[in-house]
Amino acid sequence: MRSNATALKVLLACTLFATALLLPVLIEAAVFKIDKMHMVPLIDGSEELAASDLAGTTMSKCMFDADAMFTLYTFVIGFAAPAFLIIIFYAQVIFALQKSSRNIRGARGISKPDGTSN
């Protein structure tokens, strides 16, 4: 099970999954050029852009206009689903530890704090 091929497959799967989750941002995002001094958007090929470039005041900004659906998608994928999975897996660990401690306590004949035994 532990091999370089398995590690590469897992790495590739994680990369593809992360890329799929980022697709809405990658598709909808746009780059705008802004003059830092006047805080106005610049149009590609315009004289204002050339002057701003020459003066060194051009700033490129990546803009993404998120709607309510994307915000919900981000909340579910980025917070709710991982939080739910963490709770489920920690609960399984706690239940397994409780079961294990009951088995150990019963095998050794250790009594509970109230004086009774299993």
PDB file of N, CA and C in Angstrom:
ATOM      1  N   MET A   1       0.829  -1.195   0.000  1.00  0.00           N
ATOM      2  CA  MET A   1       0.000   0.000   0.000  1.00  0.00           C
ATOM      3  C   MET A   1       0.871   1.254   0.000  1.00  0.00           C
ATOM      4  N   ARG A   2       1.952   1.267   0.758  1.00  0.00           N
ATOM      5  CA  ARG A   2       2.822   2.435   0.815  1.00  0.00           C
ATOM      6  C   ARG A   2       3.863   2.341  -0.285  1.00  0.00           C
ATOM      7  N   SER A   3       3.678   3.142  -1.309  1.00  0.00           N
ATOM      8  CA  SER A   3       4.640   3.154  -2.405  1.00  0.00           C
ATOM      9  C   SER A   3       4.630   4.535  -3.043  1.00  0.00           C
ATOM     10  N   ASN A   4       5.640   4.781  -3.857  1.00  0.00           N
ATOM     11  CA  ASN A   4       5.715   6.066  -4.548  1.00  0.00           C
ATOM     12  C   ASN A   4       4.540   6.235  -5.504  1.00  0.00           C
ATOM     13  N   ALA A   5       4.137   5.160  -6.155  1.00  0.00           N
ATOM     14  CA  ALA A   5       3.016   5.236  -7.098  1.00  0.00           C
ATOM     15  C   ALA A   5       1.725   5.627  -6.376  1.00  0.00           C
ATOM     16  N   THR A   6       1.494   5.056  -5.204  1.00  0.00           N
ATOM     17  CA  THR A   6       0.298   5.392  -4.433  1.00  0.00           C
ATOM     18  C   THR A   6       0.343   6.846  -3.981  1.00  0.00           C
ATOM     19  N   ALA A   7       1.504   7.288  -3.526  1.00  0.00           N
ATOM     20  CA  ALA A   7       1.651   8.682  -3.094  1.00  0.00           C
ATOM     21  C   ALA A   7       1.392   9.640  -4.253  1.00  0.00           C
ATOM     22  N   LEU A   8       1.895   9.310  -5.429  1.00  0.00           N
ATOM     23  CA  LEU A   8       1.672  10.165  -6.594  1.00  0.00           C
ATOM     24  C   LEU A   8       0.199  10.184  -6.998  1.00  0.00           C
ATOM     25  N   LYS A   9      -0.474   9.046  -6.891  1.00  0.00           N
ATOM     26  CA  LYS A   9      -1.903   8.996  -7.215  1.00  0.00           C
ATOM     27  C   LYS A   9      -2.711   9.858  -6.250  1.00  0.00           C
ATOM     28  N   VAL A  10      -2.385   9.775  -4.966  1.00  0.00           N
ATOM     29  CA  VAL A  10      -3.087  10.586  -3.970  1.00  0.00           C
ATOM     30  C   VAL A  10      -2.818  12.067  -4.213  1.00  0.00           C
ATOM     31  N   LEU A  11      -1.574  12.413  -4.496  1.00  0.00           N
ATOM     32  CA  LEU A  11      -1.212  13.800  -4.774  1.00  0.00           C
ATOM     33  C   LEU A  11      -1.949  14.324  -6.001  1.00  0.00           C
ATOM     34  N   LEU A  12      -2.012  13.538  -7.052  1.00  0.00           N
ATOM     35  CA  LEU A  12      -2.720  13.931  -8.268  1.00  0.00           C
ATOM     36  C   LEU A  12      -4.219  14.090  -8.001  1.00  0.00           C
ATOM     37  N   ALA A  13      -4.794  13.171  -7.240  1.00  0.00           N
ATOM     38  CA  ALA A  13      -6.221  13.253  -6.919  1.00  0.00           C
ATOM     39  C   ALA A  13      -6.525  14.513  -6.104  1.00  0.00           C
ATOM     40  N   CYS A  14      -5.676  14.824  -5.131  1.00  0.00           N
ATOM     41  CA  CYS A  14      -5.879  16.033  -4.319  1.00  0.00           C
ATOM     42  C   CYS A  14      -5.743  17.295  -5.163  1.00  0.00           C
ATOM     43  N   THR A  15      -4.781  17.305  -6.079  1.00  0.00           N
ATOM     44  CA  THR A  15      -4.588  18.457  -6.962  1.00  0.00           C
ATOM     45  C   THR A  15      -5.799  18.658  -7.861  1.00  0.00           C
ATOM     46  N   LEU A  16      -6.309  17.584  -8.442  1.00  0.00           N
ATOM     47  CA  LEU A  16      -7.486  17.686  -9.308  1.00  0.00           C
ATOM     48  C   LEU A  16      -8.721  18.125  -8.520  1.00  0.00           C
ATOM     49  N   PHE A  17      -8.868  17.618  -7.306  1.00  0.00           N
ATOM     50  CA  PHE A  17     -10.003  17.998  -6.467  1.00  0.00           C
ATOM     51  C   PHE A  17      -9.937  19.479  -6.095  1.00  0.00           C
ATOM     52  N   ALA A  18      -8.752  19.957  -5.706  1.00  0.00           N
ATOM     53  CA  ALA A  18      -8.590  21.373  -5.356  1.00  0.00           C
ATOM     54  C   ALA A  18      -8.844  22.269  -6.564  1.00  0.00           C
ATOM     55  N   THR A  19      -8.375  21.845  -7.732  1.00  0.00           N
ATOM     56  CA  THR A  19      -8.612  22.619  -8.955  1.00  0.00           C
ATOM     57  C   THR A  19     -10.100  22.667  -9.281  1.00  0.00           C
ATOM     58  N   ALA A  20     -10.788  21.558  -9.108  1.00  0.00           N
ATOM     59  CA  ALA A  20     -12.232  21.529  -9.363  1.00  0.00           C
ATOM     60  C   ALA A  20     -12.977  22.468  -8.418  1.00  0.00           C
ATOM     61  N   LEU A  21     -12.540  22.530  -7.158  1.00  0.00           N
ATOM     62  CA  LEU A  21     -13.179  23.431  -6.206  1.00  0.00           C
ATOM     63  C   LEU A  21     -12.914  24.894  -6.547  1.00  0.00           C
ATOM     64  N   LEU A  22     -11.781  25.183  -7.180  1.00  0.00           N
ATOM     65  CA  LEU A  22     -11.423  26.559  -7.532  1.00  0.00           C
ATOM     66  C   LEU A  22     -11.959  26.998  -8.886  1.00  0.00           C
ATOM     67  N   LEU A  23     -12.550  26.094  -9.638  1.00  0.00           N
ATOM     68  CA  LEU A  23     -13.011  26.436 -10.989  1.00  0.00           C
ATOM     69  C   LEU A  23     -13.906  27.672 -11.050  1.00  0.00           C
ATOM     70  N   PRO A  24     -14.871  27.862 -10.149  1.00  0.00           N
ATOM     71  CA  PRO A  24     -15.681  29.084 -10.246  1.00  0.00           C
ATOM     72  C   PRO A  24     -14.845  30.360 -10.188  1.00  0.00           C
ATOM     73  N   VAL A  25     -13.846  30.390  -9.335  1.00  0.00           N
ATOM     74  CA  VAL A  25     -12.986  31.570  -9.241  1.00  0.00           C
ATOM     75  C   VAL A  25     -12.125  31.698 -10.488  1.00  0.00           C
ATOM     76  N   LEU A  26     -11.557  30.590 -10.947  1.00  0.00           N
ATOM     77  CA  LEU A  26     -10.695  30.637 -12.128  1.00  0.00           C
ATOM     78  C   LEU A  26     -11.453  31.080 -13.375  1.00  0.00           C
ATOM     79  N   ILE A  27     -12.712  30.707 -13.475  1.00  0.00           N
ATOM     80  CA  ILE A  27     -13.504  31.051 -14.657  1.00  0.00           C
ATOM     81  C   ILE A  27     -14.006  32.492 -14.596  1.00  0.00           C
ATOM     82  N   GLU A  28     -14.464  32.930 -13.439  1.00  0.00           N
ATOM     83  CA  GLU A  28     -15.130  34.231 -13.322  1.00  0.00           C
ATOM     84  C   GLU A  28     -14.207  35.401 -12.978  1.00  0.00           C
ATOM     85  N   ALA A  29     -13.012  35.159 -12.498  1.00  0.00           N
ATOM     86  CA  ALA A  29     -12.126  36.249 -12.085  1.00  0.00           C
ATOM     87  C   ALA A  29     -11.592  36.999 -13.300  1.00  0.00           C
ATOM     88  N   ALA A  30     -11.343  38.292 -13.108  1.00  0.00           N
ATOM     89  CA  ALA A  30     -10.797  39.132 -14.181  1.00  0.00           C
ATOM     90  C   ALA A  30      -9.737  40.058 -13.589  1.00  0.00           C
ATOM     91  N   VAL A  31      -8.783  40.453 -14.412  1.00  0.00           N
ATOM     92  CA  VAL A  31      -7.715  41.351 -13.985  1.00  0.00           C
ATOM     93  C   VAL A  31      -8.021  42.748 -14.516  1.00  0.00           C
ATOM     94  N   PHE A  32      -8.021  43.725 -13.611  1.00  0.00           N
ATOM     95  CA  PHE A  32      -8.232  45.121 -13.978  1.00  0.00           C
ATOM     96  C   PHE A  32      -6.975  45.901 -13.652  1.00  0.00           C
ATOM     97  N   LYS A  33      -6.660  46.871 -14.486  1.00  0.00           N
ATOM     98  CA  LYS A  33      -5.521  47.750 -14.228  1.00  0.00           C
ATOM     99  C   LYS A  33      -6.060  49.072 -13.719  1.00  0.00           C
ATOM    100  N   ILE A  34      -5.457  49.558 -12.644  1.00  0.00           N
ATOM    101  CA  ILE A  34      -5.921  50.768 -11.969  1.00  0.00           C
ATOM    102  C   ILE A  34      -4.740  51.712 -11.790  1.00  0.00           C
ATOM    103  N   ASP A  35      -4.991  53.001 -11.968  1.00  0.00           N
ATOM    104  CA  ASP A  35      -3.977  54.022 -11.688  1.00  0.00           C
ATOM    105  C   ASP A  35      -4.009  54.293 -10.184  1.00  0.00           C
ATOM    106  N   LYS A  36      -2.903  54.002  -9.491  1.00  0.00           N
ATOM    107  CA  LYS A  36      -2.854  54.144  -8.034  1.00  0.00           C
ATOM    108  C   LYS A  36      -3.021  55.589  -7.581  1.00  0.00           C
ATOM    109  N   MET A  37      -2.572  56.531  -8.373  1.00  0.00           N
ATOM    110  CA  MET A  37      -2.631  57.934  -7.965  1.00  0.00           C
ATOM    111  C   MET A  37      -4.056  58.492  -8.036  1.00  0.00           C
ATOM    112  N   HIS A  38      -4.790  58.121  -9.067  1.00  0.00           N
ATOM    113  CA  HIS A  38      -6.130  58.679  -9.263  1.00  0.00           C
ATOM    114  C   HIS A  38      -7.236  57.673  -8.937  1.00  0.00           C
ATOM    115  N   MET A  39      -6.865  56.409  -8.698  1.00  0.00           N
ATOM    116  CA  MET A  39      -7.807  55.335  -8.379  1.00  0.00           C
ATOM    117  C   MET A  39      -8.915  55.224  -9.427  1.00  0.00           C
ATOM    118  N   VAL A  40      -8.500  55.222 -10.686  1.00  0.00           N
ATOM    119  CA  VAL A  40      -9.448  55.054 -11.790  1.00  0.00           C
ATOM    120  C   VAL A  40      -9.041  53.825 -12.585  1.00  0.00           C
ATOM    121  N   PRO A  41     -10.018  53.081 -13.108  1.00  0.00           N
ATOM    122  CA  PRO A  41      -9.678  51.924 -13.947  1.00  0.00           C
ATOM    123  C   PRO A  41      -9.088  52.374 -15.275  1.00  0.00           C
ATOM    124  N   LEU A  42      -8.147  51.587 -15.770  1.00  0.00           N
ATOM    125  CA  LEU A  42      -7.484  51.891 -17.036  1.00  0.00           C
ATOM    126  C   LEU A  42      -7.878  50.857 -18.076  1.00  0.00           C
ATOM    127  N   ILE A  43      -8.095  51.309 -19.298  1.00  0.00           N
ATOM    128  CA  ILE A  43      -8.479  50.427 -20.398  1.00  0.00           C
ATOM    129  C   ILE A  43      -7.222  50.020 -21.149  1.00  0.00           C
ATOM    130  N   ASP A  44      -7.129  48.729 -21.507  1.00  0.00           N
ATOM    131  CA  ASP A  44      -5.962  48.239 -22.244  1.00  0.00           C
ATOM    132  C   ASP A  44      -5.783  49.014 -23.544  1.00  0.00           C
ATOM    133  N   GLY A  45      -4.541  49.421 -23.803  1.00  0.00           N
ATOM    134  CA  GLY A  45      -4.215  50.126 -25.042  1.00  0.00           C
ATOM    135  C   GLY A  45      -4.512  51.613 -25.014  1.00  0.00           C
ATOM    136  N   SER A  46      -4.977  52.145 -23.889  1.00  0.00           N
ATOM    137  CA  SER A  46      -5.311  53.572 -23.828  1.00  0.00           C
ATOM    138  C   SER A  46      -4.075  54.401 -23.506  1.00  0.00           C
ATOM    139  N   GLU A  47      -4.183  55.697 -23.780  1.00  0.00           N
ATOM    140  CA  GLU A  47      -3.081  56.615 -23.469  1.00  0.00           C
ATOM    141  C   GLU A  47      -2.891  56.733 -21.966  1.00  0.00           C
ATOM    142  N   GLU A  48      -3.992  56.674 -21.217  1.00  0.00           N
ATOM    143  CA  GLU A  48      -3.901  56.761 -19.754  1.00  0.00           C
ATOM    144  C   GLU A  48      -3.092  55.591 -19.191  1.00  0.00           C
ATOM    145  N   LEU A  49      -3.287  54.397 -19.765  1.00  0.00           N
ATOM    146  CA  LEU A  49      -2.531  53.224 -19.319  1.00  0.00           C
ATOM    147  C   LEU A  49      -1.053  53.392 -19.625  1.00  0.00           C
ATOM    148  N   ALA A  50      -0.738  53.889 -20.819  1.00  0.00           N
ATOM    149  CA  ALA A  50       0.666  54.105 -21.188  1.00  0.00           C
ATOM    150  C   ALA A  50       1.315  55.127 -20.266  1.00  0.00           C
ATOM    151  N   ALA A  51       0.604  56.213 -19.960  1.00  0.00           N
ATOM    152  CA  ALA A  51       1.151  57.244 -19.070  1.00  0.00           C
ATOM    153  C   ALA A  51       1.322  56.702 -17.656  1.00  0.00           C
ATOM    154  N   SER A  52       0.355  55.912 -17.200  1.00  0.00           N
ATOM    155  CA  SER A  52       0.434  55.329 -15.865  1.00  0.00           C
ATOM    156  C   SER A  52       1.584  54.330 -15.778  1.00  0.00           C
ATOM    157  N   ASP A  53       1.768  53.530 -16.835  1.00  0.00           N
ATOM    158  CA  ASP A  53       2.898  52.594 -16.873  1.00  0.00           C
ATOM    159  C   ASP A  53       4.217  53.338 -16.820  1.00  0.00           C
ATOM    160  N   LEU A  54       4.303  54.424 -17.575  1.00  0.00           N
ATOM    161  CA  LEU A  54       5.535  55.219 -17.625  1.00  0.00           C
ATOM    162  C   LEU A  54       5.842  55.834 -16.263  1.00  0.00           C
ATOM    163  N   ALA A  55       4.802  56.286 -15.571  1.00  0.00           N
ATOM    164  CA  ALA A  55       4.984  56.892 -14.248  1.00  0.00           C
ATOM    165  C   ALA A  55       5.149  55.841 -13.155  1.00  0.00           C
ATOM    166  N   GLY A  56       4.847  54.583 -13.469  1.00  0.00           N
ATOM    167  CA  GLY A  56       4.973  53.514 -12.474  1.00  0.00           C
ATOM    168  C   GLY A  56       3.834  53.479 -11.479  1.00  0.00           C
ATOM    169  N   THR A  57       2.676  53.990 -11.868  1.00  0.00           N
ATOM    170  CA  THR A  57       1.536  54.020 -10.944  1.00  0.00           C
ATOM    171  C   THR A  57       0.436  53.037 -11.329  1.00  0.00           C
ATOM    172  N   THR A  58       0.726  52.129 -12.251  1.00  0.00           N
ATOM    173  CA  THR A  58      -0.272  51.134 -12.651  1.00  0.00           C
ATOM    174  C   THR A  58      -0.282  49.983 -11.651  1.00  0.00           C
ATOM    175  N   MET A  59      -1.480  49.599 -11.246  1.00  0.00           N
ATOM    176  CA  MET A  59      -1.633  48.488 -10.317  1.00  0.00           C
ATOM    177  C   MET A  59      -2.630  47.504 -10.934  1.00  0.00           C
ATOM    178  N   SER A  60      -2.294  46.232 -10.931  1.00  0.00           N
ATOM    179  CA  SER A  60      -3.202  45.201 -11.436  1.00  0.00           C
ATOM    180  C   SER A  60      -3.940  44.568 -10.264  1.00  0.00           C
ATOM    181  N   LYS A  61      -5.248  44.457 -10.398  1.00  0.00           N
ATOM    182  CA  LYS A  61      -6.080  43.871  -9.352  1.00  0.00           C
ATOM    183  C   LYS A  61      -6.871  42.718  -9.936  1.00  0.00           C
ATOM    184  N   CYS A  62      -6.918  41.623  -9.214  1.00  0.00           N
ATOM    185  CA  CYS A  62      -7.757  40.492  -9.596  1.00  0.00           C
ATOM    186  C   CYS A  62      -9.100  40.680  -8.905  1.00  0.00           C
ATOM    187  N   MET A  63     -10.149  40.792  -9.691  1.00  0.00           N
ATOM    188  CA  MET A  63     -11.478  41.057  -9.144  1.00  0.00           C
ATOM    189  C   MET A  63     -12.375  39.851  -9.389  1.00  0.00           C
ATOM    190  N   PHE A  64     -13.165  39.536  -8.388  1.00  0.00           N
ATOM    191  CA  PHE A  64     -14.120  38.438  -8.499  1.00  0.00           C
ATOM    192  C   PHE A  64     -15.413  38.879  -7.844  1.00  0.00           C
ATOM    193  N   ASP A  65     -16.465  38.957  -8.621  1.00  0.00           N
ATOM    194  CA  ASP A  65     -17.764  39.375  -8.117  1.00  0.00           C
ATOM    195  C   ASP A  65     -18.528  38.134  -7.658  1.00  0.00           C
ATOM    196  N   ALA A  66     -18.529  37.897  -6.358  1.00  0.00           N
ATOM    197  CA  ALA A  66     -19.161  36.692  -5.810  1.00  0.00           C
ATOM    198  C   ALA A  66     -20.642  36.943  -5.561  1.00  0.00           C
ATOM    199  N   ASP A  67     -21.466  36.034  -6.034  1.00  0.00           N
ATOM    200  CA  ASP A  67     -22.894  36.122  -5.764  1.00  0.00           C
ATOM    201  C   ASP A  67     -23.228  35.267  -4.540  1.00  0.00           C
ATOM    202  N   ALA A  68     -24.496  35.237  -4.172  1.00  0.00           N
ATOM    203  CA  ALA A  68     -24.917  34.503  -2.973  1.00  0.00           C
ATOM    204  C   ALA A  68     -24.665  33.007  -3.102  1.00  0.00           C
ATOM    205  N   MET A  69     -24.843  32.466  -4.301  1.00  0.00           N
ATOM    206  CA  MET A  69     -24.639  31.026  -4.501  1.00  0.00           C
ATOM    207  C   MET A  69     -23.174  30.650  -4.281  1.00  0.00           C
ATOM    208  N   PHE A  70     -22.252  31.478  -4.765  1.00  0.00           N
ATOM    209  CA  PHE A  70     -20.837  31.191  -4.559  1.00  0.00           C
ATOM    210  C   PHE A  70     -20.476  31.294  -3.080  1.00  0.00           C
ATOM    211  N   THR A  71     -21.060  32.257  -2.381  1.00  0.00           N
ATOM    212  CA  THR A  71     -20.800  32.393  -0.946  1.00  0.00           C
ATOM    213  C   THR A  71     -21.284  31.152  -0.200  1.00  0.00           C
ATOM    214  N   LEU A  72     -22.458  30.655  -0.561  1.00  0.00           N
ATOM    215  CA  LEU A  72     -22.978  29.430   0.049  1.00  0.00           C
ATOM    216  C   LEU A  72     -22.083  28.237  -0.284  1.00  0.00           C
ATOM    217  N   TYR A  73     -21.669  28.133  -1.541  1.00  0.00           N
ATOM    218  CA  TYR A  73     -20.768  27.065  -1.987  1.00  0.00           C
ATOM    219  C   TYR A  73     -19.466  27.100  -1.182  1.00  0.00           C
ATOM    220  N   THR A  74     -18.904  28.288  -1.019  1.00  0.00           N
ATOM    221  CA  THR A  74     -17.653  28.434  -0.269  1.00  0.00           C
ATOM    222  C   THR A  74     -17.845  28.042   1.193  1.00  0.00           C
ATOM    223  N   PHE A  75     -18.965  28.446   1.786  1.00  0.00           N
ATOM    224  CA  PHE A  75     -19.237  28.098   3.176  1.00  0.00           C
ATOM    225  C   PHE A  75     -19.358  26.588   3.353  1.00  0.00           C
ATOM    226  N   VAL A  76     -20.115  25.947   2.469  1.00  0.00           N
ATOM    227  CA  VAL A  76     -20.334  24.499   2.594  1.00  0.00           C
ATOM    228  C   VAL A  76     -19.041  23.732   2.361  1.00  0.00           C
ATOM    229  N   ILE A  77     -18.344  24.032   1.267  1.00  0.00           N
ATOM    230  CA  ILE A  77     -17.123  23.295   0.925  1.00  0.00           C
ATOM    231  C   ILE A  77     -15.960  23.652   1.848  1.00  0.00           C
ATOM    232  N   GLY A  78     -15.862  24.916   2.226  1.00  0.00           N
ATOM    233  CA  GLY A  78     -14.712  25.356   3.017  1.00  0.00           C
ATOM    234  C   GLY A  78     -14.870  25.244   4.516  1.00  0.00           C
ATOM    235  N   PHE A  79     -16.121  25.215   5.016  1.00  0.00           N
ATOM    236  CA  PHE A  79     -16.305  25.174   6.464  1.00  0.00           C
ATOM    237  C   PHE A  79     -17.233  24.049   6.926  1.00  0.00           C
ATOM    238  N   ALA A  80     -18.455  24.032   6.424  1.00  0.00           N
ATOM    239  CA  ALA A  80     -19.461  23.109   6.960  1.00  0.00           C
ATOM    240  C   ALA A  80     -19.091  21.643   6.744  1.00  0.00           C
ATOM    241  N   ALA A  81     -18.707  21.283   5.528  1.00  0.00           N
ATOM    242  CA  ALA A  81     -18.354  19.878   5.255  1.00  0.00           C
ATOM    243  C   ALA A  81     -17.129  19.434   6.058  1.00  0.00           C
ATOM    244  N   PRO A  82     -16.025  20.209   6.083  1.00  0.00           N
ATOM    245  CA  PRO A  82     -14.890  19.781   6.915  1.00  0.00           C
ATOM    246  C   PRO A  82     -15.237  19.714   8.405  1.00  0.00           C
ATOM    247  N   ALA A  83     -16.009  20.675   8.909  1.00  0.00           N
ATOM    248  CA  ALA A  83     -16.395  20.648  10.324  1.00  0.00           C
ATOM    249  C   ALA A  83     -17.234  19.415  10.632  1.00  0.00           C
ATOM    250  N   PHE A  84     -18.166  19.080   9.750  1.00  0.00           N
ATOM    251  CA  PHE A  84     -18.998  17.889   9.922  1.00  0.00           C
ATOM    252  C   PHE A  84     -18.139  16.629   9.946  1.00  0.00           C
ATOM    253  N   LEU A  85     -17.202  16.516   9.008  1.00  0.00           N
ATOM    254  CA  LEU A  85     -16.330  15.334   8.961  1.00  0.00           C
ATOM    255  C   LEU A  85     -15.443  15.238  10.197  1.00  0.00           C
ATOM    256  N   ILE A  86     -14.922  16.370  10.659  1.00  0.00           N
ATOM    257  CA  ILE A  86     -14.088  16.369  11.870  1.00  0.00           C
ATOM    258  C   ILE A  86     -14.899  15.879  13.063  1.00  0.00           C
ATOM    259  N   ILE A  87     -16.121  16.358  13.205  1.00  0.00           N
ATOM    260  CA  ILE A  87     -16.980  15.929  14.318  1.00  0.00           C
ATOM    261  C   ILE A  87     -17.261  14.432  14.241  1.00  0.00           C
ATOM    262  N   ILE A  88     -17.585  13.938  13.054  1.00  0.00           N
ATOM    263  CA  ILE A  88     -17.876  12.507  12.878  1.00  0.00           C
ATOM    264  C   ILE A  88     -16.658  11.661  13.247  1.00  0.00           C
ATOM    265  N   PHE A  89     -15.481  12.021  12.733  1.00  0.00           N
ATOM    266  CA  PHE A  89     -14.289  11.208  12.979  1.00  0.00           C
ATOM    267  C   PHE A  89     -13.839  11.277  14.433  1.00  0.00           C
ATOM    268  N   TYR A  90     -13.934  12.450  15.068  1.00  0.00           N
ATOM    269  CA  TYR A  90     -13.587  12.533  16.483  1.00  0.00           C
ATOM    270  C   TYR A  90     -14.583  11.744  17.331  1.00  0.00           C
ATOM    271  N   ALA A  91     -15.849  11.754  16.970  1.00  0.00           N
ATOM    272  CA  ALA A  91     -16.846  10.965  17.704  1.00  0.00           C
ATOM    273  C   ALA A  91     -16.531   9.479  17.593  1.00  0.00           C
ATOM    274  N   GLN A  92     -16.117   9.019  16.417  1.00  0.00           N
ATOM    275  CA  GLN A  92     -15.744   7.613  16.253  1.00  0.00           C
ATOM    276  C   GLN A  92     -14.543   7.257  17.126  1.00  0.00           C
ATOM    277  N   VAL A  93     -13.575   8.153  17.207  1.00  0.00           N
ATOM    278  CA  VAL A  93     -12.400   7.906  18.054  1.00  0.00           C
ATOM    279  C   VAL A  93     -12.824   7.830  19.522  1.00  0.00           C
ATOM    280  N   ILE A  94     -13.675   8.755  19.955  1.00  0.00           N
ATOM    281  CA  ILE A  94     -14.126   8.758  21.353  1.00  0.00           C
ATOM    282  C   ILE A  94     -14.908   7.490  21.678  1.00  0.00           C
ATOM    283  N   PHE A  95     -15.811   7.077  20.791  1.00  0.00           N
ATOM    284  CA  PHE A  95     -16.572   5.842  21.029  1.00  0.00           C
ATOM    285  C   PHE A  95     -15.655   4.621  21.064  1.00  0.00           C
ATOM    286  N   ALA A  96     -14.655   4.574  20.191  1.00  0.00           N
ATOM    287  CA  ALA A  96     -13.712   3.451  20.188  1.00  0.00           C
ATOM    288  C   ALA A  96     -12.902   3.430  21.480  1.00  0.00           C
ATOM    289  N   LEU A  97     -12.487   4.591  21.967  1.00  0.00           N
ATOM    290  CA  LEU A  97     -11.742   4.649  23.227  1.00  0.00           C
ATOM    291  C   LEU A  97     -12.616   4.228  24.405  1.00  0.00           C
ATOM    292  N   GLN A  98     -13.866   4.660  24.418  1.00  0.00           N
ATOM    293  CA  GLN A  98     -14.770   4.248  25.495  1.00  0.00           C
ATOM    294  C   GLN A  98     -14.979   2.738  25.489  1.00  0.00           C
ATOM    295  N   LYS A  99     -15.172   2.173  24.310  1.00  0.00           N
ATOM    296  CA  LYS A  99     -15.369   0.728  24.193  1.00  0.00           C
ATOM    297  C   LYS A  99     -14.114  -0.016  24.642  1.00  0.00           C
ATOM    298  N   SER A 100     -12.956   0.478  24.239  1.00  0.00           N
ATOM    299  CA  SER A 100     -11.692  -0.148  24.622  1.00  0.00           C
ATOM    300  C   SER A 100     -11.485  -0.072  26.133  1.00  0.00           C
ATOM    301  N   SER A 101     -11.803   1.080  26.725  1.00  0.00           N
ATOM    302  CA  SER A 101     -11.613   1.210  28.173  1.00  0.00           C
ATOM    303  C   SER A 101     -12.589   0.315  28.933  1.00  0.00           C
ATOM    304  N   ARG A 102     -13.815   0.131  28.405  1.00  0.00           N
ATOM    305  CA  ARG A 102     -14.758  -0.794  29.036  1.00  0.00           C
ATOM    306  C   ARG A 102     -14.228  -2.221  28.992  1.00  0.00           C
ATOM    307  N   ASN A 103     -13.661  -2.622  27.856  1.00  0.00           N
ATOM    308  CA  ASN A 103     -13.113  -3.973  27.722  1.00  0.00           C
ATOM    309  C   ASN A 103     -11.935  -4.178  28.667  1.00  0.00           C
ATOM    310  N   ILE A 104     -11.072  -3.185  28.778  1.00  0.00           N
ATOM    311  CA  ILE A 104      -9.906  -3.298  29.669  1.00  0.00           C
ATOM    312  C   ILE A 104     -10.368  -3.341  31.118  1.00  0.00           C
ATOM    313  N   ARG A 105     -11.313  -2.466  31.471  1.00  0.00           N
ATOM    314  CA  ARG A 105     -11.813  -2.418  32.841  1.00  0.00           C
ATOM    315  C   ARG A 105     -12.489  -3.741  33.206  1.00  0.00           C
ATOM    316  N   GLY A 106     -13.237  -4.323  32.287  1.00  0.00           N
ATOM    317  CA  GLY A 106     -13.926  -5.590  32.543  1.00  0.00           C
ATOM    318  C   GLY A 106     -12.958  -6.747  32.658  1.00  0.00           C
ATOM    319  N   ALA A 107     -11.903  -6.746  31.880  1.00  0.00           N
ATOM    320  CA  ALA A 107     -10.928  -7.837  31.911  1.00  0.00           C
ATOM    321  C   ALA A 107     -10.114  -7.813  33.193  1.00  0.00           C
ATOM    322  N   ARG A 108      -9.871  -6.644  33.740  1.00  0.00           N
ATOM    323  CA  ARG A 108      -9.054  -6.532  34.950  1.00  0.00           C
ATOM    324  C   ARG A 108      -9.889  -6.584  36.224  1.00  0.00           C
ATOM    325  N   GLY A 109     -11.189  -6.484  36.092  1.00  0.00           N
ATOM    326  CA  GLY A 109     -12.040  -6.491  37.279  1.00  0.00           C
ATOM    327  C   GLY A 109     -11.989  -5.186  38.035  1.00  0.00           C
ATOM    328  N   ILE A 110     -11.682  -4.104  37.358  1.00  0.00           N
ATOM    329  CA  ILE A 110     -11.609  -2.789  37.998  1.00  0.00           C
ATOM    330  C   ILE A 110     -13.026  -2.276  38.194  1.00  0.00           C
ATOM    331  N   SER A 111     -13.272  -1.752  39.382  1.00  0.00           N
ATOM    332  CA  SER A 111     -14.616  -1.258  39.663  1.00  0.00           C
ATOM    333  C   SER A 111     -14.744   0.200  39.238  1.00  0.00           C
ATOM    334  N   LYS A 112     -15.976   0.608  39.028  1.00  0.00           N
ATOM    335  CA  LYS A 112     -16.277   1.995  38.677  1.00  0.00           C
ATOM    336  C   LYS A 112     -16.152   2.847  39.931  1.00  0.00           C
ATOM    337  N   PRO A 113     -16.114   4.171  39.784  1.00  0.00           N
ATOM    338  CA  PRO A 113     -15.988   5.036  40.968  1.00  0.00           C
ATOM    339  C   PRO A 113     -17.117   4.867  41.982  1.00  0.00           C
ATOM    340  N   ASP A 114     -18.289   4.383  41.553  1.00  0.00           N
ATOM    341  CA  ASP A 114     -19.399   4.217  42.502  1.00  0.00           C
ATOM    342  C   ASP A 114     -19.320   2.891  43.271  1.00  0.00           C
ATOM    343  N   GLY A 115     -18.250   2.092  43.033  1.00  0.00           N
ATOM    344  CA  GLY A 115     -18.046   0.857  43.778  1.00  0.00           C
ATOM    345  C   GLY A 115     -18.522  -0.384  43.067  1.00  0.00           C
ATOM    346  N   THR A 116     -19.253  -0.235  41.975  1.00  0.00           N
ATOM    347  CA  THR A 116     -19.729  -1.403  41.238  1.00  0.00           C
ATOM    348  C   THR A 116     -18.705  -1.786  40.186  1.00  0.00           C
ATOM    349  N   SER A 117     -18.799  -3.009  39.714  1.00  0.00           N
ATOM    350  CA  SER A 117     -17.912  -3.448  38.633  1.00  0.00           C
ATOM    351  C   SER A 117     -18.753  -3.771  37.412  1.00  0.00           C
ATOM    352  N   ASN A 118     -18.082  -3.954  36.261  1.00  0.00           N
ATOM    353  CA  ASN A 118     -18.797  -4.262  35.008  1.00  0.00           C
ATOM    354  C   ASN A 118     -19.367  -5.620  35.049  1.00  0.00           C
TER     355      ASN A 118
END
